[in-house]
């Protein structure tokens, strides 16, 4: 895995031995970031990255100039590797939190311009995430929630659904606050 754009472009991301999650592919990551770049000025975008895994999405936001990126990861080993990568890259804008993403969303008092979530595709509560994020008022006005998921999940009927992007086998549904 690598950072695809920005000041850390081309830097490789280390993951710990035994890491078994499915990281977002470089192709899908580059594609969704190119899409987001048309709607957000990353230099002024505050981000929350849920289910961070390798931290790849957070590094990408930081590399593109976001002034603050909060990330939430429940696996201690993964979070420790994320912290090592942050230190090696000397990134000061990423704030890592250990914890359950669902509980974080329920208790969080911060608001964000953009929230990105990449839960395990088979997570039993994946379909509750859009409602949970929106009901807890975590998005600023005109903020977006981006949910990565498999093609087995369809969100087109959700009242805040805006669009869906497909990149290979990776799907991103986007929900917006007006």
Foldseek 3Di string as FASTA:
>chain_A
DAQCDAPRHPHDFDFDPPQDADDDDPQRLVVVVVVVVVPDQLLDWAEEEEQCRQVNNVVNSQRSHHQAYEYEHADPRNLVSNVVVCVVVVRDRYHYDHDHRLVCLQPDPAATQEYEYEDRQPPPCLVCVVVSNVVSRRYDAFHKYKYKYFPVDDDPPPPQWDDWDDDPRIIITMGTHD
